[in-house]
Amino acid sequence: MTNEQKKASRRYKVQGVKATPTTHPGLWLDRYADYAPDTAWKAAFVQHVCKLSTAANANPYKAFFERWKQALVAAGAQTHTGTVRTRMVVGLGSESILETSITLHRTYGVPYIPGS
């Protein structure tokens, strides 16, 4: 990639953008990550995105989730709640600048199981 192409790229233009408490973690992960072969940088970036995911989005998502459950009950749907014994990650094989990925809710930026 030439220097001119780098300067024209979206990632170059948003280098100075800083995360705030209301930053969407999915958008940050998908659009602001830059390619870096340095594993220490990747680890720090993922930790940063995890902090964003648990910050400002927690309360709005909880409210949405309660409304969603109430709508299912009102519609007469059968629901089931499950738990996992260990860790569960969905979307590891999806395309990502970080080699592995995670599935995040498009609106709230929290991990979720698609179709659930």
C-alpha atoms as a PDB file:
ATOM      1  CA  MET A   1       0.000   0.000   0.000  1.00  0.00           C
ATOM      2  CA  THR A   2       1.423   3.371  -0.979  1.00  0.00           C
ATOM      3  CA  ASN A   3       1.650   6.277   1.432  1.00  0.00           C
ATOM      4  CA  GLU A   4      -1.115   8.071  -0.514  1.00  0.00           C
ATOM      5  CA  GLN A   5      -3.404   5.037  -0.242  1.00  0.00           C
ATOM      6  CA  LYS A   6      -2.778   4.869   3.505  1.00  0.00           C
ATOM      7  CA  LYS A   7      -3.677   8.548   3.923  1.00  0.00           C
ATOM      8  CA  ALA A   8      -6.894   8.019   1.957  1.00  0.00           C
ATOM      9  CA  SER A   9      -7.944   5.035   4.046  1.00  0.00           C
ATOM     10  CA  ARG A  10     -10.693   5.225   6.663  1.00  0.00           C
ATOM     11  CA  ARG A  11      -8.411   3.827   9.358  1.00  0.00           C
ATOM     12  CA  TYR A  12      -5.830   6.549   8.736  1.00  0.00           C
ATOM     13  CA  LYS A  13      -8.455   9.275   9.034  1.00  0.00           C
ATOM     14  CA  VAL A  14      -9.823   7.992  12.362  1.00  0.00           C
ATOM     15  CA  GLN A  15      -6.467   7.460  14.082  1.00  0.00           C
ATOM     16  CA  GLY A  16      -7.101  10.368  16.445  1.00  0.00           C
ATOM     17  CA  VAL A  17     -10.577   9.189  17.452  1.00  0.00           C
ATOM     18  CA  LYS A  18     -10.705   8.157  21.097  1.00  0.00           C
ATOM     19  CA  ALA A  19     -13.222   5.846  22.732  1.00  0.00           C
ATOM     20  CA  THR A  20     -15.744   7.406  25.102  1.00  0.00           C
ATOM     21  CA  PRO A  21     -18.039   5.728  27.647  1.00  0.00           C
ATOM     22  CA  THR A  22     -20.763   5.528  24.970  1.00  0.00           C
ATOM     23  CA  THR A  23     -18.554   4.080  22.221  1.00  0.00           C
ATOM     24  CA  HIS A  24     -20.102   1.090  20.455  1.00  0.00           C
ATOM     25  CA  PRO A  25     -17.682  -1.850  20.953  1.00  0.00           C
ATOM     26  CA  GLY A  26     -18.757  -3.658  17.780  1.00  0.00           C
ATOM     27  CA  LEU A  27     -18.133  -0.576  15.659  1.00  0.00           C
ATOM     28  CA  TRP A  28     -14.797  -0.033  17.398  1.00  0.00           C
ATOM     29  CA  LEU A  29     -13.787  -3.634  16.723  1.00  0.00           C
ATOM     30  CA  ASP A  30     -14.977  -3.723  13.097  1.00  0.00           C
ATOM     31  CA  ARG A  31     -13.993  -0.268  11.875  1.00  0.00           C
ATOM     32  CA  TYR A  32     -11.238   1.182  14.041  1.00  0.00           C
ATOM     33  CA  ALA A  33      -8.923  -1.795  14.413  1.00  0.00           C
ATOM     34  CA  ASP A  34      -5.797  -1.490  12.329  1.00  0.00           C
ATOM     35  CA  TYR A  35      -3.696  -4.381  11.101  1.00  0.00           C
ATOM     36  CA  ALA A  36      -0.833  -5.027  13.499  1.00  0.00           C
ATOM     37  CA  PRO A  37       1.187  -8.244  13.632  1.00  0.00           C
ATOM     38  CA  ASP A  38       2.175  -7.346  17.206  1.00  0.00           C
ATOM     39  CA  THR A  39       0.318  -9.728  19.543  1.00  0.00           C
ATOM     40  CA  ALA A  40       0.774  -7.399  22.526  1.00  0.00           C
ATOM     41  CA  TRP A  41      -1.055  -4.637  20.642  1.00  0.00           C
ATOM     42  CA  LYS A  42      -3.852  -7.044  19.692  1.00  0.00           C
ATOM     43  CA  ALA A  43      -4.255  -8.206  23.297  1.00  0.00           C
ATOM     44  CA  ALA A  44      -4.417  -4.624  24.558  1.00  0.00           C
ATOM     45  CA  PHE A  45      -6.932  -3.695  21.846  1.00  0.00           C
ATOM     46  CA  VAL A  46      -9.203  -6.649  22.684  1.00  0.00           C
ATOM     47  CA  GLN A  47      -9.079  -5.758  26.397  1.00  0.00           C
ATOM     48  CA  HIS A  48     -10.020  -2.195  25.471  1.00  0.00           C
ATOM     49  CA  VAL A  49     -13.024  -3.396  23.438  1.00  0.00           C
ATOM     50  CA  CYS A  50     -14.104  -5.683  26.302  1.00  0.00           C
ATOM     51  CA  LYS A  51     -14.152  -2.715  28.670  1.00  0.00           C
ATOM     52  CA  LEU A  52     -16.284  -0.776  26.182  1.00  0.00           C
ATOM     53  CA  SER A  53     -18.680  -3.709  25.945  1.00  0.00           C
ATOM     54  CA  THR A  54     -19.365  -3.740  29.674  1.00  0.00           C
ATOM     55  CA  ALA A  55     -19.490   0.010  30.256  1.00  0.00           C
ATOM     56  CA  ALA A  56     -22.333   2.152  28.929  1.00  0.00           C
ATOM     57  CA  ASN A  57     -24.163  -0.551  26.980  1.00  0.00           C
ATOM     58  CA  ALA A  58     -25.071  -2.726  29.962  1.00  0.00           C
ATOM     59  CA  ASN A  59     -28.181  -0.905  31.226  1.00  0.00           C
ATOM     60  CA  PRO A  60     -29.785  -0.152  27.827  1.00  0.00           C
ATOM     61  CA  TYR A  61     -29.233  -3.770  26.780  1.00  0.00           C
ATOM     62  CA  LYS A  62     -30.752  -5.125  30.004  1.00  0.00           C
ATOM     63  CA  ALA A  63     -33.844  -2.967  29.424  1.00  0.00           C
ATOM     64  CA  PHE A  64     -34.077  -4.153  25.807  1.00  0.00           C
ATOM     65  CA  PHE A  65     -33.677  -7.787  26.862  1.00  0.00           C
ATOM     66  CA  GLU A  66     -36.526  -7.493  29.402  1.00  0.00           C
ATOM     67  CA  ARG A  67     -38.818  -5.899  26.774  1.00  0.00           C
ATOM     68  CA  TRP A  68     -37.888  -8.682  24.335  1.00  0.00           C
ATOM     69  CA  LYS A  69     -38.746 -11.405  26.865  1.00  0.00           C
ATOM     70  CA  GLN A  70     -42.073  -9.705  27.656  1.00  0.00           C
ATOM     71  CA  ALA A  71     -42.910  -9.506  23.947  1.00  0.00           C
ATOM     72  CA  LEU A  72     -42.206 -13.232  23.554  1.00  0.00           C
ATOM     73  CA  VAL A  73     -44.476 -14.082  26.492  1.00  0.00           C
ATOM     74  CA  ALA A  74     -47.218 -11.822  25.104  1.00  0.00           C
ATOM     75  CA  ALA A  75     -46.939 -13.576  21.732  1.00  0.00           C
ATOM     76  CA  GLY A  76     -47.299 -16.985  23.392  1.00  0.00           C
ATOM     77  CA  ALA A  77     -43.796 -18.135  22.450  1.00  0.00           C
ATOM     78  CA  GLN A  78     -42.039 -20.891  24.349  1.00  0.00           C
ATOM     79  CA  THR A  79     -38.750 -19.788  25.855  1.00  0.00           C
ATOM     80  CA  HIS A  80     -35.939 -21.669  27.537  1.00  0.00           C
ATOM     81  CA  THR A  81     -33.049 -20.344  29.570  1.00  0.00           C
ATOM     82  CA  GLY A  82     -29.731 -22.142  29.478  1.00  0.00           C
ATOM     83  CA  THR A  83     -26.288 -21.745  30.942  1.00  0.00           C
ATOM     84  CA  VAL A  84     -22.865 -22.919  29.868  1.00  0.00           C
ATOM     85  CA  ARG A  85     -20.433 -24.659  32.182  1.00  0.00           C
ATOM     86  CA  THR A  86     -17.373 -22.929  30.794  1.00  0.00           C
ATOM     87  CA  ARG A  87     -16.719 -20.116  28.358  1.00  0.00           C
ATOM     88  CA  MET A  88     -18.628 -19.747  25.115  1.00  0.00           C
ATOM     89  CA  VAL A  89     -17.684 -17.538  22.186  1.00  0.00           C
ATOM     90  CA  VAL A  90     -19.754 -17.214  19.009  1.00  0.00           C
ATOM     91  CA  GLY A  91     -18.244 -16.061  15.730  1.00  0.00           C
ATOM     92  CA  LEU A  92     -14.583 -17.018  16.142  1.00  0.00           C
ATOM     93  CA  GLY A  93     -14.355 -17.971  12.465  1.00  0.00           C
ATOM     94  CA  SER A  94     -15.802 -14.728  11.132  1.00  0.00           C
ATOM     95  CA  GLU A  95     -13.581 -12.381   9.164  1.00  0.00           C
ATOM     96  CA  SER A  96     -11.596  -9.988  11.343  1.00  0.00           C
ATOM     97  CA  ILE A  97      -8.430  -7.933  11.253  1.00  0.00           C
ATOM     98  CA  LEU A  98      -7.472  -9.673  14.518  1.00  0.00           C
ATOM     99  CA  GLU A  99      -7.516 -13.207  12.994  1.00  0.00           C
ATOM    100  CA  THR A 100     -10.397 -14.302  15.230  1.00  0.00           C
ATOM    101  CA  SER A 101     -13.674 -12.538  15.778  1.00  0.00           C
ATOM    102  CA  ILE A 102     -16.713 -12.457  18.042  1.00  0.00           C
ATOM    103  CA  THR A 103     -20.392 -11.952  17.292  1.00  0.00           C
ATOM    104  CA  LEU A 104     -21.667  -8.723  18.844  1.00  0.00           C
ATOM    105  CA  HIS A 105     -25.230  -7.361  18.801  1.00  0.00           C
ATOM    106  CA  ARG A 106     -25.370  -4.689  16.091  1.00  0.00           C
ATOM    107  CA  THR A 107     -27.315  -2.201  18.195  1.00  0.00           C
ATOM    108  CA  TYR A 108     -25.959  -2.782  21.688  1.00  0.00           C
ATOM    109  CA  GLY A 109     -22.482  -4.172  21.007  1.00  0.00           C
ATOM    110  CA  VAL A 110     -22.794  -7.038  23.480  1.00  0.00           C
ATOM    111  CA  PRO A 111     -22.005 -10.697  22.714  1.00  0.00           C
ATOM    112  CA  TYR A 112     -25.043 -12.744  21.722  1.00  0.00           C
ATOM    113  CA  ILE A 113     -26.071 -15.953  19.982  1.00  0.00           C
ATOM    114  CA  PRO A 114     -27.572 -15.174  16.545  1.00  0.00           C
ATOM    115  CA  GLY A 115     -31.097 -16.446  16.166  1.00  0.00           C
ATOM    116  CA  SER A 116     -31.667 -16.329  19.903  1.00  0.00           C
END
